[in-house]
ModelCIF file with pLDDT and N, C-alpha, C, O atoms, coordinates in Angstrom:
data_MODEL
#
_entry.id   MODEL 
#
_entity.id                         1 
_entity.type                       polymer 
_entity.pdbx_number_of_molecules   1 
#
_entity_poly.entity_id                      1 
_entity_poly.type                           'polypeptide(L)' 
_entity_poly.nstd_linkage                   no 
_entity_poly.nstd_monomer                   no 
_entity_poly.pdbx_seq_one_letter_code       GGGLVQAGGSLRLSCAASGRTFSSYAMGWFRQAPGKEREFVARI 
_entity_poly.pdbx_seq_one_letter_code_can   GGGLVQAGGSLRLSCAASGRTFSSYAMGWFRQAPGKEREFVARI 
_entity_poly.pdbx_strand_id                 A 
#
loop_
_entity_poly_seq.entity_id 
_entity_poly_seq.num 
_entity_poly_seq.mon_id 
_entity_poly_seq.hetero 
1 1  GLY n 
1 2  GLY n 
1 3  GLY n 
1 4  LEU n 
1 5  VAL n 
1 6  GLN n 
1 7  ALA n 
1 8  GLY n 
1 9  GLY n 
1 10 SER n 
1 11 LEU n 
1 12 ARG n 
1 13 LEU n 
1 14 SER n 
1 15 CYS n 
1 16 ALA n 
1 17 ALA n 
1 18 SER n 
1 19 GLY n 
1 20 ARG n 
1 21 THR n 
1 22 PHE n 
1 23 SER n 
1 24 SER n 
1 25 TYR n 
1 26 ALA n 
1 27 MET n 
1 28 GLY n 
1 29 TRP n 
1 30 PHE n 
1 31 ARG n 
1 32 GLN n 
1 33 ALA n 
1 34 PRO n 
1 35 GLY n 
1 36 LYS n 
1 37 GLU n 
1 38 ARG n 
1 39 GLU n 
1 40 PHE n 
1 41 VAL n 
1 42 ALA n 
1 43 ARG n 
1 44 ILE n 
#
_struct_asym.id          A 
_struct_asym.entity_id   1 
#
loop_
_ma_qa_metric.id 
_ma_qa_metric.mode 
_ma_qa_metric.name 
_ma_qa_metric.software_group_id 
_ma_qa_metric.type 
1 global pLDDT . pLDDT 
2 local  pLDDT . pLDDT 
#
_ma_qa_metric_global.metric_id      1 
_ma_qa_metric_global.metric_value   90.86 
_ma_qa_metric_global.model_id       1 
_ma_qa_metric_global.ordinal_id     1 
#
loop_
_ma_qa_metric_local.label_asym_id 
_ma_qa_metric_local.label_comp_id 
_ma_qa_metric_local.label_seq_id 
_ma_qa_metric_local.metric_id 
_ma_qa_metric_local.metric_value 
_ma_qa_metric_local.model_id 
_ma_qa_metric_local.ordinal_id 
A GLY 1  2 98.00 1 1  
A GLY 2  2 98.00 1 2  
A GLY 3  2 98.00 1 3  
A LEU 4  2 98.00 1 4  
A VAL 5  2 98.00 1 5  
A GLN 6  2 98.00 1 6  
A ALA 7  2 98.00 1 7  
A GLY 8  2 98.00 1 8  
A GLY 9  2 98.00 1 9  
A SER 10 2 98.00 1 10 
A LEU 11 2 98.00 1 11 
A ARG 12 2 98.00 1 12 
A LEU 13 2 98.00 1 13 
A SER 14 2 98.00 1 14 
A CYS 15 2 96.00 1 15 
A ALA 16 2 93.00 1 16 
A ALA 17 2 87.00 1 17 
A SER 18 2 82.00 1 18 
A GLY 19 2 69.00 1 19 
A ARG 20 2 61.00 1 20 
A THR 21 2 57.00 1 21 
A PHE 22 2 58.00 1 22 
A SER 23 2 58.00 1 23 
A SER 24 2 62.00 1 24 
A TYR 25 2 79.00 1 25 
A ALA 26 2 90.00 1 26 
A MET 27 2 92.00 1 27 
A GLY 28 2 95.00 1 28 
A TRP 29 2 97.00 1 29 
A PHE 30 2 98.00 1 30 
A ARG 31 2 98.00 1 31 
A GLN 32 2 98.00 1 32 
A ALA 33 2 97.00 1 33 
A PRO 34 2 93.00 1 34 
A GLY 35 2 95.00 1 35 
A LYS 36 2 97.00 1 36 
A GLU 37 2 97.00 1 37 
A ARG 38 2 97.00 1 38 
A GLU 39 2 97.00 1 39 
A PHE 40 2 97.00 1 40 
A VAL 41 2 98.00 1 41 
A ALA 42 2 97.00 1 42 
A ARG 43 2 96.00 1 43 
A ILE 44 2 95.00 1 44 
#
loop_
_atom_site.group_PDB 
_atom_site.id 
_atom_site.type_symbol 
_atom_site.label_atom_id 
_atom_site.label_alt_id 
_atom_site.label_comp_id 
_atom_site.label_asym_id 
_atom_site.label_entity_id 
_atom_site.label_seq_id 
_atom_site.pdbx_PDB_ins_code 
_atom_site.Cartn_x 
_atom_site.Cartn_y 
_atom_site.Cartn_z 
_atom_site.occupancy 
_atom_site.B_iso_or_equiv 
_atom_site.pdbx_formal_charge 
_atom_site.auth_seq_id 
_atom_site.auth_comp_id 
_atom_site.auth_asym_id 
_atom_site.auth_atom_id 
_atom_site.pdbx_PDB_model_num 
ATOM 1   N N  . GLY A 1 1  ? 0.771  -1.227  0.000  1.00 98.00 ? 1  GLY A N  1 
ATOM 2   C CA . GLY A 1 1  ? 0.000  0.000   0.000  1.00 98.00 ? 1  GLY A CA 1 
ATOM 3   C C  . GLY A 1 1  ? 0.802  1.277   0.000  1.00 98.00 ? 1  GLY A C  1 
ATOM 4   O O  . GLY A 1 1  ? 0.236  2.364   -0.114 1.00 98.00 ? 1  GLY A O  1 
ATOM 5   N N  . GLY A 1 2  ? 2.120  1.168   0.127  1.00 98.00 ? 2  GLY A N  1 
ATOM 6   C CA . GLY A 1 2  ? 2.943  2.359   0.109  1.00 98.00 ? 2  GLY A CA 1 
ATOM 7   C C  . GLY A 1 2  ? 2.984  2.992   -1.259 1.00 98.00 ? 2  GLY A C  1 
ATOM 8   O O  . GLY A 1 2  ? 2.505  2.425   -2.241 1.00 98.00 ? 2  GLY A O  1 
ATOM 9   N N  . GLY A 1 3  ? 3.564  4.176   -1.310 1.00 98.00 ? 3  GLY A N  1 
ATOM 10  C CA . GLY A 1 3  ? 3.666  4.885   -2.566 1.00 98.00 ? 3  GLY A CA 1 
ATOM 11  C C  . GLY A 1 3  ? 4.147  6.298   -2.360 1.00 98.00 ? 3  GLY A C  1 
ATOM 12  O O  . GLY A 1 3  ? 4.601  6.671   -1.278 1.00 98.00 ? 3  GLY A O  1 
ATOM 13  N N  . LEU A 1 4  ? 4.040  7.075   -3.413 1.00 98.00 ? 4  LEU A N  1 
ATOM 14  C CA . LEU A 1 4  ? 4.464  8.474   -3.401 1.00 98.00 ? 4  LEU A CA 1 
ATOM 15  C C  . LEU A 1 4  ? 3.240  9.370   -3.343 1.00 98.00 ? 4  LEU A C  1 
ATOM 16  O O  . LEU A 1 4  ? 2.353  9.279   -4.191 1.00 98.00 ? 4  LEU A O  1 
ATOM 17  N N  . VAL A 1 5  ? 3.194  10.234  -2.342 1.00 98.00 ? 5  VAL A N  1 
ATOM 18  C CA . VAL A 1 5  ? 2.088  11.177  -2.198 1.00 98.00 ? 5  VAL A CA 1 
ATOM 19  C C  . VAL A 1 5  ? 2.637  12.546  -1.839 1.00 98.00 ? 5  VAL A C  1 
ATOM 20  O O  . VAL A 1 5  ? 3.761  12.672  -1.352 1.00 98.00 ? 5  VAL A O  1 
ATOM 21  N N  . GLN A 1 6  ? 1.833  13.565  -2.085 1.00 98.00 ? 6  GLN A N  1 
ATOM 22  C CA . GLN A 1 6  ? 2.198  14.911  -1.696 1.00 98.00 ? 6  GLN A CA 1 
ATOM 23  C C  . GLN A 1 6  ? 1.814  15.167  -0.247 1.00 98.00 ? 6  GLN A C  1 
ATOM 24  O O  . GLN A 1 6  ? 0.913  14.522  0.289  1.00 98.00 ? 6  GLN A O  1 
ATOM 25  N N  . ALA A 1 7  ? 2.499  16.106  0.377  1.00 98.00 ? 7  ALA A N  1 
ATOM 26  C CA . ALA A 1 7  ? 2.167  16.478  1.740  1.00 98.00 ? 7  ALA A CA 1 
ATOM 27  C C  . ALA A 1 7  ? 0.686  16.812  1.850  1.00 98.00 ? 7  ALA A C  1 
ATOM 28  O O  . ALA A 1 7  ? 0.126  17.500  0.997  1.00 98.00 ? 7  ALA A O  1 
ATOM 29  N N  . GLY A 1 8  ? 0.064  16.317  2.909  1.00 98.00 ? 8  GLY A N  1 
ATOM 30  C CA . GLY A 1 8  ? -1.359 16.514  3.102  1.00 98.00 ? 8  GLY A CA 1 
ATOM 31  C C  . GLY A 1 8  ? -2.208 15.394  2.547  1.00 98.00 ? 8  GLY A C  1 
ATOM 32  O O  . GLY A 1 8  ? -3.408 15.332  2.811  1.00 98.00 ? 8  GLY A O  1 
ATOM 33  N N  . GLY A 1 9  ? -1.600 14.510  1.784  1.00 98.00 ? 9  GLY A N  1 
ATOM 34  C CA . GLY A 1 9  ? -2.320 13.405  1.190  1.00 98.00 ? 9  GLY A CA 1 
ATOM 35  C C  . GLY A 1 9  ? -2.490 12.242  2.136  1.00 98.00 ? 9  GLY A C  1 
ATOM 36  O O  . GLY A 1 9  ? -2.124 12.315  3.309  1.00 98.00 ? 9  GLY A O  1 
ATOM 37  N N  . SER A 1 10 ? -3.052 11.163  1.610  1.00 98.00 ? 10 SER A N  1 
ATOM 38  C CA . SER A 1 10 ? -3.353 9.989   2.422  1.00 98.00 ? 10 SER A CA 1 
ATOM 39  C C  . SER A 1 10 ? -2.910 8.712   1.742  1.00 98.00 ? 10 SER A C  1 
ATOM 40  O O  . SER A 1 10 ? -2.846 8.631   0.516  1.00 98.00 ? 10 SER A O  1 
ATOM 41  N N  . LEU A 1 11 ? -2.608 7.724   2.551  1.00 98.00 ? 11 LEU A N  1 
ATOM 42  C CA . LEU A 1 11 ? -2.313 6.380   2.089  1.00 98.00 ? 11 LEU A CA 1 
ATOM 43  C C  . LEU A 1 11 ? -2.897 5.395   3.082  1.00 98.00 ? 11 LEU A C  1 
ATOM 44  O O  . LEU A 1 11 ? -3.042 5.705   4.265  1.00 98.00 ? 11 LEU A O  1 
ATOM 45  N N  . ARG A 1 12 ? -3.227 4.223   2.605  1.00 98.00 ? 12 ARG A N  1 
ATOM 46  C CA . ARG A 1 12 ? -3.696 3.153   3.472  1.00 98.00 ? 12 ARG A CA 1 
ATOM 47  C C  . ARG A 1 12 ? -2.800 1.945   3.279  1.00 98.00 ? 12 ARG A C  1 
ATOM 48  O O  . ARG A 1 12 ? -2.763 1.352   2.201  1.00 98.00 ? 12 ARG A O  1 
ATOM 49  N N  . LEU A 1 13 ? -2.086 1.588   4.321  1.00 98.00 ? 13 LEU A N  1 
ATOM 50  C CA . LEU A 1 13 ? -1.193 0.447   4.279  1.00 98.00 ? 13 LEU A CA 1 
ATOM 51  C C  . LEU A 1 13 ? -1.911 -0.802  4.771  1.00 98.00 ? 13 LEU A C  1 
ATOM 52  O O  . LEU A 1 13 ? -2.803 -0.732  5.616  1.00 98.00 ? 13 LEU A O  1 
ATOM 53  N N  . SER A 1 14 ? -1.507 -1.940  4.229  1.00 98.00 ? 14 SER A N  1 
ATOM 54  C CA . SER A 1 14 ? -2.057 -3.215  4.648  1.00 98.00 ? 14 SER A CA 1 
ATOM 55  C C  . SER A 1 14 ? -0.930 -4.145  5.046  1.00 98.00 ? 14 SER A C  1 
ATOM 56  O O  . SER A 1 14 ? 0.171  -4.070  4.502  1.00 98.00 ? 14 SER A O  1 
ATOM 57  N N  . CYS A 1 15 ? -1.206 -5.007  5.982  1.00 96.00 ? 15 CYS A N  1 
ATOM 58  C CA . CYS A 1 15 ? -0.251 -6.015  6.421  1.00 96.00 ? 15 CYS A CA 1 
ATOM 59  C C  . CYS A 1 15 ? -0.979 -7.339  6.526  1.00 96.00 ? 15 CYS A C  1 
ATOM 60  O O  . CYS A 1 15 ? -1.886 -7.502  7.343  1.00 96.00 ? 15 CYS A O  1 
ATOM 61  N N  . ALA A 1 16 ? -0.577 -8.278  5.697  1.00 93.00 ? 16 ALA A N  1 
ATOM 62  C CA . ALA A 1 16 ? -1.136 -9.619  5.741  1.00 93.00 ? 16 ALA A CA 1 
ATOM 63  C C  . ALA A 1 16 ? -0.189 -10.511 6.520  1.00 93.00 ? 16 ALA A C  1 
ATOM 64  O O  . ALA A 1 16 ? 0.997  -10.593 6.200  1.00 93.00 ? 16 ALA A O  1 
ATOM 65  N N  . ALA A 1 17 ? -0.699 -11.172 7.528  1.00 87.00 ? 17 ALA A N  1 
ATOM 66  C CA . ALA A 1 17 ? 0.111  -12.022 8.383  1.00 87.00 ? 17 ALA A CA 1 
ATOM 67  C C  . ALA A 1 17 ? -0.422 -13.443 8.366  1.00 87.00 ? 17 ALA A C  1 
ATOM 68  O O  . ALA A 1 17 ? -1.631 -13.670 8.316  1.00 87.00 ? 17 ALA A O  1 
ATOM 69  N N  . SER A 1 18 ? 0.490  -14.387 8.409  1.00 82.00 ? 18 SER A N  1 
ATOM 70  C CA . SER A 1 18 ? 0.112  -15.790 8.387  1.00 82.00 ? 18 SER A CA 1 
ATOM 71  C C  . SER A 1 18 ? 0.129  -16.384 9.784  1.00 82.00 ? 18 SER A C  1 
ATOM 72  O O  . SER A 1 18 ? 0.688  -15.808 10.717 1.00 82.00 ? 18 SER A O  1 
ATOM 73  N N  . GLY A 1 19 ? -0.493 -17.545 9.909  1.00 69.00 ? 19 GLY A N  1 
ATOM 74  C CA . GLY A 1 19 ? -0.448 -18.290 11.146 1.00 69.00 ? 19 GLY A CA 1 
ATOM 75  C C  . GLY A 1 19 ? -1.429 -17.813 12.192 1.00 69.00 ? 19 GLY A C  1 
ATOM 76  O O  . GLY A 1 19 ? -2.126 -16.814 12.016 1.00 69.00 ? 19 GLY A O  1 
ATOM 77  N N  . ARG A 1 20 ? -1.464 -18.545 13.273 1.00 61.00 ? 20 ARG A N  1 
ATOM 78  C CA . ARG A 1 20 ? -2.374 -18.218 14.365 1.00 61.00 ? 20 ARG A CA 1 
ATOM 79  C C  . ARG A 1 20 ? -1.907 -17.020 15.168 1.00 61.00 ? 20 ARG A C  1 
ATOM 80  O O  . ARG A 1 20 ? -2.685 -16.423 15.913 1.00 61.00 ? 20 ARG A O  1 
ATOM 81  N N  . THR A 1 21 ? -0.638 -16.669 15.019 1.00 57.00 ? 21 THR A N  1 
ATOM 82  C CA . THR A 1 21 ? -0.084 -15.558 15.775 1.00 57.00 ? 21 THR A CA 1 
ATOM 83  C C  . THR A 1 21 ? -0.859 -14.271 15.550 1.00 57.00 ? 21 THR A C  1 
ATOM 84  O O  . THR A 1 21 ? -1.039 -13.478 16.474 1.00 57.00 ? 21 THR A O  1 
ATOM 85  N N  . PHE A 1 22 ? -1.316 -14.065 14.328 1.00 58.00 ? 22 PHE A N  1 
ATOM 86  C CA . PHE A 1 22 ? -2.026 -12.842 14.007 1.00 58.00 ? 22 PHE A CA 1 
ATOM 87  C C  . PHE A 1 22 ? -3.235 -12.630 14.899 1.00 58.00 ? 22 PHE A C  1 
ATOM 88  O O  . PHE A 1 22 ? -3.442 -11.537 15.426 1.00 58.00 ? 22 PHE A O  1 
ATOM 89  N N  . SER A 1 23 ? -4.025 -13.664 15.067 1.00 58.00 ? 23 SER A N  1 
ATOM 90  C CA . SER A 1 23 ? -5.240 -13.537 15.852 1.00 58.00 ? 23 SER A CA 1 
ATOM 91  C C  . SER A 1 23 ? -5.002 -13.684 17.345 1.00 58.00 ? 23 SER A C  1 
ATOM 92  O O  . SER A 1 23 ? -5.896 -13.412 18.147 1.00 58.00 ? 23 SER A O  1 
ATOM 93  N N  . SER A 1 24 ? -3.810 -14.110 17.722 1.00 62.00 ? 24 SER A N  1 
ATOM 94  C CA . SER A 1 24 ? -3.502 -14.347 19.124 1.00 62.00 ? 24 SER A CA 1 
ATOM 95  C C  . SER A 1 24 ? -2.836 -13.173 19.822 1.00 62.00 ? 24 SER A C  1 
ATOM 96  O O  . SER A 1 24 ? -2.809 -13.114 21.051 1.00 62.00 ? 24 SER A O  1 
ATOM 97  N N  . TYR A 1 25 ? -2.305 -12.252 19.057 1.00 79.00 ? 25 TYR A N  1 
ATOM 98  C CA . TYR A 1 25 ? -1.535 -11.154 19.620 1.00 79.00 ? 25 TYR A CA 1 
ATOM 99  C C  . TYR A 1 25 ? -1.961 -9.806  19.070 1.00 79.00 ? 25 TYR A C  1 
ATOM 100 O O  . TYR A 1 25 ? -2.625 -9.701  18.038 1.00 79.00 ? 25 TYR A O  1 
ATOM 101 N N  . ALA A 1 26 ? -1.556 -8.792  19.792 1.00 90.00 ? 26 ALA A N  1 
ATOM 102 C CA . ALA A 1 26 ? -1.667 -7.448  19.258 1.00 90.00 ? 26 ALA A CA 1 
ATOM 103 C C  . ALA A 1 26 ? -0.755 -7.326  18.039 1.00 90.00 ? 26 ALA A C  1 
ATOM 104 O O  . ALA A 1 26 ? 0.174  -8.115  17.866 1.00 90.00 ? 26 ALA A O  1 
ATOM 105 N N  . MET A 1 27 ? -1.030 -6.336  17.201 1.00 92.00 ? 27 MET A N  1 
ATOM 106 C CA . MET A 1 27 ? -0.206 -6.080  16.037 1.00 92.00 ? 27 MET A CA 1 
ATOM 107 C C  . MET A 1 27 ? 0.194  -4.616  16.012 1.00 92.00 ? 27 MET A C  1 
ATOM 108 O O  . MET A 1 27 ? -0.518 -3.749  16.519 1.00 92.00 ? 27 MET A O  1 
ATOM 109 N N  . GLY A 1 28 ? 1.334  -4.362  15.421 1.00 95.00 ? 28 GLY A N  1 
ATOM 110 C CA . GLY A 1 28 ? 1.818  -2.997  15.393 1.00 95.00 ? 28 GLY A CA 1 
ATOM 111 C C  . GLY A 1 28 ? 2.441  -2.617  14.069 1.00 95.00 ? 28 GLY A C  1 
ATOM 112 O O  . GLY A 1 28 ? 2.806  -3.469  13.259 1.00 95.00 ? 28 GLY A O  1 
ATOM 113 N N  . TRP A 1 29 ? 2.553  -1.321  13.870 1.00 97.00 ? 29 TRP A N  1 
ATOM 114 C CA . TRP A 1 29 ? 3.256  -0.747  12.735 1.00 97.00 ? 29 TRP A CA 1 
ATOM 115 C C  . TRP A 1 29 ? 4.482  -0.009  13.228 1.00 97.00 ? 29 TRP A C  1 
ATOM 116 O O  . TRP A 1 29 ? 4.451  0.647   14.270 1.00 97.00 ? 29 TRP A O  1 
ATOM 117 N N  . PHE A 1 30 ? 5.558  -0.120  12.476 1.00 98.00 ? 30 PHE A N  1 
ATOM 118 C CA . PHE A 1 30 ? 6.811  0.542   12.761 1.00 98.00 ? 30 PHE A CA 1 
ATOM 119 C C  . PHE A 1 30 ? 7.324  1.171   11.480 1.00 98.00 ? 30 PHE A C  1 
ATOM 120 O O  . PHE A 1 30 ? 6.854  0.836   10.393 1.00 98.00 ? 30 PHE A O  1 
ATOM 121 N N  . ARG A 1 31 ? 8.267  2.066   11.595 1.00 98.00 ? 31 ARG A N  1 
ATOM 122 C CA . ARG A 1 31 ? 8.820  2.672   10.388 1.00 98.00 ? 31 ARG A CA 1 
ATOM 123 C C  . ARG A 1 31 ? 10.279 3.017   10.591 1.00 98.00 ? 31 ARG A C  1 
ATOM 124 O O  . ARG A 1 31 ? 10.743 3.199   11.716 1.00 98.00 ? 31 ARG A O  1 
ATOM 125 N N  . GLN A 1 32 ? 10.990 3.104   9.484  1.00 98.00 ? 32 GLN A N  1 
ATOM 126 C CA . GLN A 1 32 ? 12.391 3.473   9.517  1.00 98.00 ? 32 GLN A CA 1 
ATOM 127 C C  . GLN A 1 32 ? 12.668 4.458   8.396  1.00 98.00 ? 32 GLN A C  1 
ATOM 128 O O  . GLN A 1 32 ? 12.572 4.123   7.215  1.00 98.00 ? 32 GLN A O  1 
ATOM 129 N N  . ALA A 1 33 ? 13.008 5.661   8.779  1.00 97.00 ? 33 ALA A N  1 
ATOM 130 C CA . ALA A 1 33 ? 13.345 6.708   7.829  1.00 97.00 ? 33 ALA A CA 1 
ATOM 131 C C  . ALA A 1 33 ? 14.828 6.626   7.493  1.00 97.00 ? 33 ALA A C  1 
ATOM 132 O O  . ALA A 1 33 ? 15.605 6.068   8.268  1.00 97.00 ? 33 ALA A O  1 
ATOM 133 N N  . PRO A 1 34 ? 15.232 7.171   6.350  1.00 93.00 ? 34 PRO A N  1 
ATOM 134 C CA . PRO A 1 34 ? 16.643 7.142   5.972  1.00 93.00 ? 34 PRO A CA 1 
ATOM 135 C C  . PRO A 1 34 ? 17.533 7.754   7.046  1.00 93.00 ? 34 PRO A C  1 
ATOM 136 O O  . PRO A 1 34 ? 17.291 8.870   7.504  1.00 93.00 ? 34 PRO A O  1 
ATOM 137 N N  . GLY A 1 35 ? 18.560 7.016   7.442  1.00 95.00 ? 35 GLY A N  1 
ATOM 138 C CA . GLY A 1 35 ? 19.497 7.516   8.421  1.00 95.00 ? 35 GLY A CA 1 
ATOM 139 C C  . GLY A 1 35 ? 18.999 7.519   9.851  1.00 95.00 ? 35 GLY A C  1 
ATOM 140 O O  . GLY A 1 35 ? 19.684 8.032   10.736 1.00 95.00 ? 35 GLY A O  1 
ATOM 141 N N  . LYS A 1 36 ? 17.828 6.963   10.103 1.00 97.00 ? 36 LYS A N  1 
ATOM 142 C CA . LYS A 1 36 ? 17.263 6.957   11.443 1.00 97.00 ? 36 LYS A CA 1 
ATOM 143 C C  . LYS A 1 36 ? 16.981 5.530   11.904 1.00 97.00 ? 36 LYS A C  1 
ATOM 144 O O  . LYS A 1 36 ? 16.904 4.605   11.096 1.00 97.00 ? 36 LYS A O  1 
ATOM 145 N N  . GLU A 1 37 ? 16.831 5.374   13.200 1.00 97.00 ? 37 GLU A N  1 
ATOM 146 C CA . GLU A 1 37 ? 16.498 4.081   13.767 1.00 97.00 ? 37 GLU A CA 1 
ATOM 147 C C  . GLU A 1 37 ? 15.040 3.747   13.514 1.00 97.00 ? 37 GLU A C  1 
ATOM 148 O O  . GLU A 1 37 ? 14.203 4.639   13.373 1.00 97.00 ? 37 GLU A O  1 
ATOM 149 N N  . ARG A 1 38 ? 14.744 2.472   13.457 1.00 97.00 ? 38 ARG A N  1 
ATOM 150 C CA . ARG A 1 38 ? 13.365 2.042   13.325 1.00 97.00 ? 38 ARG A CA 1 
ATOM 151 C C  . ARG A 1 38 ? 12.593 2.460   14.576 1.00 97.00 ? 38 ARG A C  1 
ATOM 152 O O  . ARG A 1 38 ? 13.114 2.368   15.688 1.00 97.00 ? 38 ARG A O  1 
ATOM 153 N N  . GLU A 1 39 ? 11.359 2.916   14.396 1.00 97.00 ? 39 GLU A N  1 
ATOM 154 C CA . GLU A 1 39 ? 10.589 3.419   15.507 1.00 97.00 ? 39 GLU A CA 1 
ATOM 155 C C  . GLU A 1 39 ? 9.155  2.905   15.491 1.00 97.00 ? 39 GLU A C  1 
ATOM 156 O O  . GLU A 1 39 ? 8.614  2.538   14.448 1.00 97.00 ? 39 GLU A O  1 
ATOM 157 N N  . PHE A 1 40 ? 8.569  2.892   16.656 1.00 97.00 ? 40 PHE A N  1 
ATOM 158 C CA . PHE A 1 40 ? 7.188  2.493   16.822 1.00 97.00 ? 40 PHE A CA 1 
ATOM 159 C C  . PHE A 1 40 ? 6.254  3.547   16.258 1.00 97.00 ? 40 PHE A C  1 
ATOM 160 O O  . PHE A 1 40 ? 6.498  4.745   16.401 1.00 97.00 ? 40 PHE A O  1 
ATOM 161 N N  . VAL A 1 41 ? 5.186  3.098   15.616 1.00 98.00 ? 41 VAL A N  1 
ATOM 162 C CA . VAL A 1 41 ? 4.195  3.999   15.048 1.00 98.00 ? 41 VAL A CA 1 
ATOM 163 C C  . VAL A 1 41 ? 2.825  3.813   15.695 1.00 98.00 ? 41 VAL A C  1 
ATOM 164 O O  . VAL A 1 41 ? 2.232  4.775   16.182 1.00 98.00 ? 41 VAL A O  1 
ATOM 165 N N  . ALA A 1 42 ? 2.322  2.581   15.702 1.00 97.00 ? 42 ALA A N  1 
ATOM 166 C CA . ALA A 1 42 ? 0.986  2.325   16.220 1.00 97.00 ? 42 ALA A CA 1 
ATOM 167 C C  . ALA A 1 42 ? 0.839  0.867   16.603 1.00 97.00 ? 42 ALA A C  1 
ATOM 168 O O  . ALA A 1 42 ? 1.519  -0.001  16.055 1.00 97.00 ? 42 ALA A O  1 
ATOM 169 N N  . ARG A 1 43 ? -0.041 0.601   17.538 1.00 96.00 ? 43 ARG A N  1 
ATOM 170 C CA . ARG A 1 43 ? -0.319 -0.764  17.962 1.00 96.00 ? 43 ARG A CA 1 
ATOM 171 C C  . ARG A 1 43 ? -1.803 -0.925  18.212 1.00 96.00 ? 43 ARG A C  1 
ATOM 172 O O  . ARG A 1 43 ? -2.479 0.011   18.638 1.00 96.00 ? 43 ARG A O  1 
ATOM 173 N N  . ILE A 1 44 ? -2.309 -2.127  17.940 1.00 95.00 ? 44 ILE A N  1 
ATOM 174 C CA . ILE A 1 44 ? -3.707 -2.436  18.167 1.00 95.00 ? 44 ILE A CA 1 
ATOM 175 C C  . ILE A 1 44 ? -3.818 -3.784  18.857 1.00 95.00 ? 44 ILE A C  1 
ATOM 176 O O  . ILE A 1 44 ? -4.924 -4.242  19.144 1.00 95.00 ? 44 ILE A O  1 
#
């Protein structure tokens, strides 16, 4: 779901996960910008 957008725009990312783990645990999104450490974004 990633892509190139202009500031102020929107994107919807998707994550497909296999196995029973998906339904058994919380899930989260993380991101890593160029030259920066990977960081937490959101969890559900």
